[in-house]
Amino acid sequence: MKTGMVTYFLLPECTGKGLGKILLEKLTSDASDRGMTSLVANMASRNIPSIRFHQENGFNEVGRLQTAGSKFNEPFDVIWMQKMF
């Protein structure tokens, strides 16, 4: 099994237009072409839209680092998600 890590960011004004789905499909296709069998991504637990997006696109939560970060003096967990293909 070979696993790749994806990291990408869309500006708020670019979300909701299908760009993330197109990008993720391309990253998944390229990874598969290179013999990979899964992708992992991480995000802040407070980023509900990102968590939902990844769930809707085949990712499952596989790990969580509790209170691993802080933004505006508010702690958050770092969630690890994985997509098998």
Protein backbone atom coordinates (compact mmCIF):
# COMPACT_ATOMS: atom_id res chain seq x y z
CA MET A 1 0.00 0.00 0.00
CA LYS A 2 1.23 3.48 -0.84
CA THR A 3 -0.27 6.57 0.71
CA GLY A 4 -0.03 10.18 -0.39
CA MET A 5 -0.81 13.29 1.60
CA VAL A 6 -2.89 16.05 0.06
CA THR A 7 -2.79 19.66 1.16
CA TYR A 8 -4.72 22.32 -0.69
CA PHE A 9 -6.61 25.50 0.09
CA LEU A 10 -9.34 27.35 -1.76
CA LEU A 11 -10.06 30.98 -1.03
CA PRO A 12 -13.52 31.49 0.48
CA GLU A 13 -14.76 33.21 -2.69
CA CYS A 14 -13.79 30.09 -4.69
CA THR A 15 -15.73 27.57 -2.58
CA GLY A 16 -19.10 26.14 -3.54
CA LYS A 17 -18.30 26.21 -7.26
CA GLY A 18 -17.15 22.61 -7.71
CA LEU A 19 -13.45 23.52 -7.91
CA GLY A 20 -12.51 21.50 -4.82
CA LYS A 21 -14.19 18.39 -6.21
CA ILE A 22 -12.40 18.78 -9.56
CA LEU A 23 -9.06 19.30 -7.81
CA LEU A 24 -9.54 16.33 -5.50
CA GLU A 25 -10.60 14.08 -8.38
CA LYS A 26 -7.42 15.07 -10.27
CA LEU A 27 -5.23 14.46 -7.21
CA THR A 28 -6.88 11.06 -6.64
CA SER A 29 -6.51 10.08 -10.29
CA ASP A 30 -2.85 11.11 -10.37
CA ALA A 31 -2.16 9.23 -7.13
CA SER A 32 -3.84 6.10 -8.49
CA ASP A 33 -1.82 6.37 -11.72
CA ARG A 34 1.33 6.39 -9.57
CA GLY A 35 0.31 3.20 -7.76
CA MET A 36 -0.96 4.79 -4.57
CA THR A 37 -3.92 3.20 -2.83
CA SER A 38 -4.93 5.94 -0.40
CA LEU A 39 -4.73 9.64 0.34
CA VAL A 40 -4.66 11.36 3.72
CA ALA A 41 -5.57 14.93 4.62
CA ASN A 42 -5.65 16.86 7.86
CA MET A 43 -7.72 19.82 8.95
CA ALA A 44 -8.79 21.76 12.00
CA SER A 45 -11.77 20.34 13.87
CA ARG A 46 -13.41 23.76 13.68
CA ASN A 47 -13.35 23.66 9.87
CA ILE A 48 -16.71 21.95 9.49
CA PRO A 49 -17.06 22.72 5.75
CA SER A 50 -13.72 21.00 5.03
CA ILE A 51 -14.62 17.97 7.15
CA ARG A 52 -17.98 17.67 5.40
CA PHE A 53 -16.40 18.10 1.96
CA HIS A 54 -13.90 15.32 2.60
CA GLN A 55 -16.57 13.00 4.00
CA GLU A 56 -18.73 13.60 0.93
CA ASN A 57 -15.74 12.70 -1.24
CA GLY A 58 -14.88 9.37 0.32
CA PHE A 59 -12.67 10.31 3.28
CA ASN A 60 -13.14 8.86 6.77
CA GLU A 61 -11.72 10.14 10.03
CA VAL A 62 -8.81 7.93 11.09
CA GLY A 63 -7.18 9.98 13.82
CA ARG A 64 -7.37 13.07 15.97
CA LEU A 65 -4.73 15.09 17.79
CA GLN A 66 -6.55 16.69 20.68
CA THR A 67 -6.01 20.41 21.35
CA ALA A 68 -3.10 20.40 18.91
CA GLY A 69 -3.69 23.94 17.72
CA SER A 70 -5.07 27.31 18.69
CA LYS A 71 -6.55 30.16 16.68
CA PHE A 72 -7.77 33.41 18.23
CA ASN A 73 -7.01 31.84 21.63
CA GLU A 74 -9.45 28.99 20.90
CA PRO A 75 -8.00 25.47 20.95
CA PHE A 76 -8.88 22.97 18.24
CA ASP A 77 -8.13 19.36 17.36
CA VAL A 78 -6.32 18.33 14.20
CA ILE A 79 -8.33 15.69 12.36
CA TRP A 80 -6.70 13.15 10.05
CA MET A 81 -8.85 11.70 7.27
CA GLN A 82 -8.09 8.96 4.74
CA LYS A 83 -9.58 7.92 1.42
CA MET A 84 -8.91 4.40 0.16
CA PHE A 85 -9.17 3.63 -3.57
